[in-house]
Amino acid sequence: MNFRLHGKDHLSPVQEDILAKKMRKIERIAQGMEDLVIFIKECVPGRCEMEMKAVVKGAPLFTRAAGKTFEKSVDSAIEALVRQMKTHKERLAGK
């Protein structure tokens, strides 16, 4: 799996550790993921906004999340991405 992070200059070392732990969780869940790109749009005290784009078995999946903290926005984005992956996996199984 290819992993790219854009907007990294906005992150503290603690936030990078949090993101790395969450990415390991996604890797366990998302078999067949070819590419994952995370765009950190804004991360200031009181607001953090990000987008994630994943390519799973040829299908692009996209999610956008915002929260009051970095951790909440990461959790929201990953939850949305995991739901999309499960739906995509079910569609492939139904074919």
N, C-alpha and C. Protein backbone atom coordinates (compact mmCIF):
# COMPACT_ATOMS: atom_id res chain seq x y z
N MET A 1 0.85 -1.18 0.00
CA MET A 1 0.00 0.00 0.00
C MET A 1 0.89 1.24 0.00
N ASN A 2 0.57 2.16 -0.87
CA ASN A 2 1.24 3.45 -0.89
C ASN A 2 0.50 4.41 0.04
N PHE A 3 1.25 5.16 0.81
CA PHE A 3 0.67 6.10 1.76
C PHE A 3 1.35 7.45 1.56
N ARG A 4 0.53 8.49 1.33
CA ARG A 4 1.08 9.84 1.16
C ARG A 4 0.32 10.79 2.06
N LEU A 5 1.04 11.75 2.61
CA LEU A 5 0.46 12.73 3.50
C LEU A 5 0.80 14.12 2.98
N HIS A 6 -0.21 14.94 2.74
CA HIS A 6 -0.02 16.31 2.28
C HIS A 6 -0.46 17.25 3.40
N GLY A 7 0.27 18.33 3.58
CA GLY A 7 -0.05 19.26 4.64
C GLY A 7 0.58 18.86 5.96
N LYS A 8 1.61 18.03 5.88
CA LYS A 8 2.25 17.49 7.07
C LYS A 8 2.91 18.59 7.92
N ASP A 9 3.27 19.69 7.31
CA ASP A 9 3.95 20.75 8.04
C ASP A 9 3.07 21.34 9.14
N HIS A 10 1.77 21.04 9.11
CA HIS A 10 0.85 21.53 10.13
C HIS A 10 0.78 20.61 11.35
N LEU A 11 1.42 19.44 11.30
CA LEU A 11 1.26 18.44 12.35
C LEU A 11 2.41 18.46 13.35
N SER A 12 2.06 18.21 14.60
CA SER A 12 3.07 18.06 15.65
C SER A 12 3.52 16.59 15.66
N PRO A 13 4.63 16.29 16.32
CA PRO A 13 5.06 14.89 16.42
C PRO A 13 4.00 13.99 17.08
N VAL A 14 3.29 14.51 18.06
CA VAL A 14 2.23 13.73 18.72
C VAL A 14 1.13 13.40 17.72
N GLN A 15 0.73 14.38 16.91
CA GLN A 15 -0.31 14.15 15.90
C GLN A 15 0.16 13.15 14.85
N GLU A 16 1.43 13.20 14.48
CA GLU A 16 1.97 12.23 13.52
C GLU A 16 1.91 10.82 14.09
N ASP A 17 2.20 10.66 15.40
CA ASP A 17 2.11 9.35 16.04
C ASP A 17 0.67 8.84 16.03
N ILE A 18 -0.28 9.71 16.34
CA ILE A 18 -1.70 9.34 16.34
C ILE A 18 -2.10 8.86 14.95
N LEU A 19 -1.70 9.60 13.94
CA LEU A 19 -2.04 9.26 12.56
C LEU A 19 -1.40 7.93 12.16
N ALA A 20 -0.17 7.69 12.57
CA ALA A 20 0.52 6.43 12.24
C ALA A 20 -0.21 5.24 12.86
N LYS A 21 -0.66 5.38 14.11
CA LYS A 21 -1.40 4.30 14.77
C LYS A 21 -2.71 4.01 14.04
N LYS A 22 -3.40 5.06 13.63
CA LYS A 22 -4.68 4.88 12.93
C LYS A 22 -4.46 4.25 11.55
N MET A 23 -3.35 4.58 10.90
CA MET A 23 -3.06 4.00 9.59
C MET A 23 -2.79 2.50 9.71
N ARG A 24 -2.15 2.08 10.79
CA ARG A 24 -1.94 0.65 11.00
C ARG A 24 -3.28 -0.06 11.15
N LYS A 25 -4.25 0.58 11.80
CA LYS A 25 -5.58 0.01 11.94
C LYS A 25 -6.24 -0.16 10.58
N ILE A 26 -6.12 0.86 9.75
CA ILE A 26 -6.72 0.79 8.40
C ILE A 26 -6.05 -0.31 7.58
N GLU A 27 -4.74 -0.46 7.70
CA GLU A 27 -4.05 -1.49 6.93
C GLU A 27 -4.55 -2.89 7.28
N ARG A 28 -4.87 -3.12 8.56
CA ARG A 28 -5.40 -4.42 8.96
C ARG A 28 -6.77 -4.68 8.36
N ILE A 29 -7.60 -3.64 8.32
CA ILE A 29 -8.97 -3.77 7.86
C ILE A 29 -9.05 -3.82 6.34
N ALA A 30 -8.28 -2.97 5.69
CA ALA A 30 -8.44 -2.75 4.25
C ALA A 30 -7.49 -3.59 3.42
N GLN A 31 -7.86 -4.82 3.23
CA GLN A 31 -7.08 -5.66 2.34
C GLN A 31 -7.43 -5.27 0.91
N GLY A 32 -6.43 -5.15 0.09
CA GLY A 32 -6.66 -4.75 -1.29
C GLY A 32 -6.54 -3.26 -1.53
N MET A 33 -6.19 -2.51 -0.49
CA MET A 33 -6.02 -1.07 -0.66
C MET A 33 -4.70 -0.84 -1.39
N GLU A 34 -4.77 -0.11 -2.47
CA GLU A 34 -3.59 0.15 -3.28
C GLU A 34 -2.92 1.46 -2.92
N ASP A 35 -3.71 2.45 -2.55
CA ASP A 35 -3.18 3.78 -2.34
C ASP A 35 -4.02 4.52 -1.31
N LEU A 36 -3.37 5.32 -0.47
CA LEU A 36 -4.07 6.15 0.51
C LEU A 36 -3.39 7.51 0.55
N VAL A 37 -4.17 8.55 0.32
CA VAL A 37 -3.65 9.92 0.36
C VAL A 37 -4.45 10.68 1.40
N ILE A 38 -3.75 11.35 2.30
CA ILE A 38 -4.39 12.17 3.33
C ILE A 38 -4.00 13.61 3.11
N PHE A 39 -5.01 14.46 3.02
CA PHE A 39 -4.79 15.89 2.85
C PHE A 39 -5.21 16.58 4.15
N ILE A 40 -4.26 17.19 4.84
CA ILE A 40 -4.58 17.97 6.04
C ILE A 40 -4.87 19.38 5.54
N LYS A 41 -6.12 19.76 5.53
CA LYS A 41 -6.53 21.06 5.02
C LYS A 41 -6.23 22.18 6.00
N GLU A 42 -6.64 21.96 7.25
CA GLU A 42 -6.46 22.98 8.28
C GLU A 42 -6.41 22.27 9.62
N CYS A 43 -5.47 22.65 10.44
CA CYS A 43 -5.39 22.07 11.77
C CYS A 43 -4.88 23.14 12.73
N VAL A 44 -5.82 23.84 13.32
CA VAL A 44 -5.52 24.91 14.27
C VAL A 44 -6.28 24.60 15.56
N PRO A 45 -5.89 25.19 16.67
CA PRO A 45 -6.63 24.93 17.91
C PRO A 45 -8.13 25.21 17.75
N GLY A 46 -8.93 24.20 18.06
CA GLY A 46 -10.38 24.34 17.96
C GLY A 46 -10.98 23.86 16.66
N ARG A 47 -10.16 23.53 15.65
CA ARG A 47 -10.70 23.06 14.37
C ARG A 47 -9.62 22.32 13.58
N CYS A 48 -9.99 21.17 13.09
CA CYS A 48 -9.09 20.41 12.23
C CYS A 48 -9.93 19.80 11.10
N GLU A 49 -9.47 19.98 9.88
CA GLU A 49 -10.20 19.50 8.70
C GLU A 49 -9.24 18.70 7.82
N MET A 50 -9.71 17.54 7.36
CA MET A 50 -8.88 16.71 6.50
C MET A 50 -9.73 15.96 5.49
N GLU A 51 -9.05 15.45 4.47
CA GLU A 51 -9.68 14.62 3.45
C GLU A 51 -8.82 13.38 3.28
N MET A 52 -9.47 12.27 2.99
CA MET A 52 -8.76 11.02 2.71
C MET A 52 -9.28 10.45 1.40
N LYS A 53 -8.35 10.00 0.59
CA LYS A 53 -8.71 9.34 -0.67
C LYS A 53 -7.98 8.01 -0.70
N ALA A 54 -8.74 6.95 -0.89
CA ALA A 54 -8.16 5.60 -0.95
C ALA A 54 -8.57 4.95 -2.26
N VAL A 55 -7.69 4.12 -2.79
CA VAL A 55 -8.02 3.32 -3.96
C VAL A 55 -8.00 1.86 -3.50
N VAL A 56 -9.17 1.25 -3.55
CA VAL A 56 -9.34 -0.14 -3.11
C VAL A 56 -9.83 -0.95 -4.29
N LYS A 57 -9.00 -1.89 -4.71
CA LYS A 57 -9.32 -2.76 -5.84
C LYS A 57 -9.86 -1.97 -7.03
N GLY A 58 -9.17 -0.89 -7.35
CA GLY A 58 -9.50 -0.09 -8.52
C GLY A 58 -10.58 0.95 -8.33
N ALA A 59 -11.24 0.98 -7.18
CA ALA A 59 -12.31 1.95 -6.95
C ALA A 59 -11.82 3.06 -6.02
N PRO A 60 -11.99 4.32 -6.44
CA PRO A 60 -11.60 5.42 -5.55
C PRO A 60 -12.67 5.67 -4.49
N LEU A 61 -12.23 5.81 -3.25
CA LEU A 61 -13.11 6.13 -2.13
C LEU A 61 -12.62 7.45 -1.55
N PHE A 62 -13.55 8.33 -1.19
CA PHE A 62 -13.19 9.65 -0.72
C PHE A 62 -14.01 10.03 0.50
N THR A 63 -13.36 10.64 1.47
CA THR A 63 -14.07 11.13 2.64
C THR A 63 -13.47 12.45 3.10
N ARG A 64 -14.31 13.26 3.68
CA ARG A 64 -13.90 14.55 4.23
C ARG A 64 -14.43 14.61 5.66
N ALA A 65 -13.58 15.07 6.59
CA ALA A 65 -14.00 15.14 7.99
C ALA A 65 -13.42 16.38 8.65
N ALA A 66 -14.17 16.87 9.62
CA ALA A 66 -13.72 18.00 10.42
C ALA A 66 -14.13 17.75 11.86
N GLY A 67 -13.35 18.29 12.76
CA GLY A 67 -13.66 18.14 14.17
C GLY A 67 -12.99 19.23 14.99
N LYS A 68 -13.34 19.25 16.26
CA LYS A 68 -12.75 20.25 17.14
C LYS A 68 -11.30 19.93 17.47
N THR A 69 -10.95 18.63 17.40
CA THR A 69 -9.57 18.23 17.66
C THR A 69 -9.07 17.38 16.50
N PHE A 70 -7.77 17.24 16.42
CA PHE A 70 -7.15 16.41 15.39
C PHE A 70 -7.62 14.97 15.51
N GLU A 71 -7.64 14.47 16.74
CA GLU A 71 -8.03 13.08 16.97
C GLU A 71 -9.46 12.80 16.51
N LYS A 72 -10.37 13.72 16.79
CA LYS A 72 -11.77 13.52 16.39
C LYS A 72 -11.92 13.55 14.87
N SER A 73 -11.19 14.42 14.21
CA SER A 73 -11.30 14.47 12.74
C SER A 73 -10.69 13.23 12.11
N VAL A 74 -9.58 12.72 12.66
CA VAL A 74 -8.98 11.48 12.15
C VAL A 74 -9.95 10.32 12.35
N ASP A 75 -10.51 10.21 13.56
CA ASP A 75 -11.46 9.13 13.84
C ASP A 75 -12.66 9.18 12.90
N SER A 76 -13.22 10.37 12.68
CA SER A 76 -14.38 10.52 11.80
C SER A 76 -14.04 10.12 10.37
N ALA A 77 -12.89 10.55 9.89
CA ALA A 77 -12.49 10.23 8.52
C ALA A 77 -12.26 8.73 8.36
N ILE A 78 -11.61 8.12 9.33
CA ILE A 78 -11.33 6.68 9.23
C ILE A 78 -12.62 5.87 9.33
N GLU A 79 -13.52 6.26 10.22
CA GLU A 79 -14.81 5.55 10.32
C GLU A 79 -15.57 5.61 9.00
N ALA A 80 -15.60 6.78 8.38
CA ALA A 80 -16.30 6.93 7.10
C ALA A 80 -15.62 6.10 6.01
N LEU A 81 -14.30 6.09 6.00
CA LEU A 81 -13.56 5.33 5.00
C LEU A 81 -13.78 3.83 5.18
N VAL A 82 -13.78 3.37 6.42
CA VAL A 82 -14.01 1.94 6.70
C VAL A 82 -15.42 1.54 6.26
N ARG A 83 -16.42 2.39 6.52
CA ARG A 83 -17.80 2.09 6.07
C ARG A 83 -17.84 1.97 4.54
N GLN A 84 -17.17 2.88 3.86
CA GLN A 84 -17.15 2.82 2.40
C GLN A 84 -16.45 1.56 1.91
N MET A 85 -15.36 1.17 2.58
CA MET A 85 -14.64 -0.05 2.19
C MET A 85 -15.52 -1.28 2.35
N LYS A 86 -16.25 -1.34 3.47
CA LYS A 86 -17.14 -2.48 3.70
C LYS A 86 -18.23 -2.54 2.65
N THR A 87 -18.81 -1.39 2.31
CA THR A 87 -19.85 -1.34 1.28
C THR A 87 -19.28 -1.78 -0.06
N HIS A 88 -18.09 -1.31 -0.39
CA HIS A 88 -17.44 -1.68 -1.65
C HIS A 88 -17.17 -3.17 -1.69
N LYS A 89 -16.71 -3.72 -0.57
CA LYS A 89 -16.41 -5.15 -0.48
C LYS A 89 -17.69 -5.97 -0.67
N GLU A 90 -18.80 -5.52 -0.08
CA GLU A 90 -20.08 -6.21 -0.23
C GLU A 90 -20.55 -6.17 -1.68
N ARG A 91 -20.36 -5.03 -2.33
CA ARG A 91 -20.75 -4.93 -3.75
C ARG A 91 -19.95 -5.89 -4.61
N LEU A 92 -18.65 -6.00 -4.34
CA LEU A 92 -17.82 -6.92 -5.12
C LEU A 92 -18.23 -8.36 -4.87
N ALA A 93 -18.60 -8.69 -3.64
CA ALA A 93 -19.02 -10.05 -3.32
C ALA A 93 -20.35 -10.40 -3.96
N GLY A 94 -21.19 -9.40 -4.16
CA GLY A 94 -22.52 -9.61 -4.75
C GLY A 94 -22.51 -9.78 -6.26
N LYS A 95 -21.41 -9.46 -6.89
CA LYS A 95 -21.35 -9.58 -8.37
C LYS A 95 -21.27 -11.00 -8.83
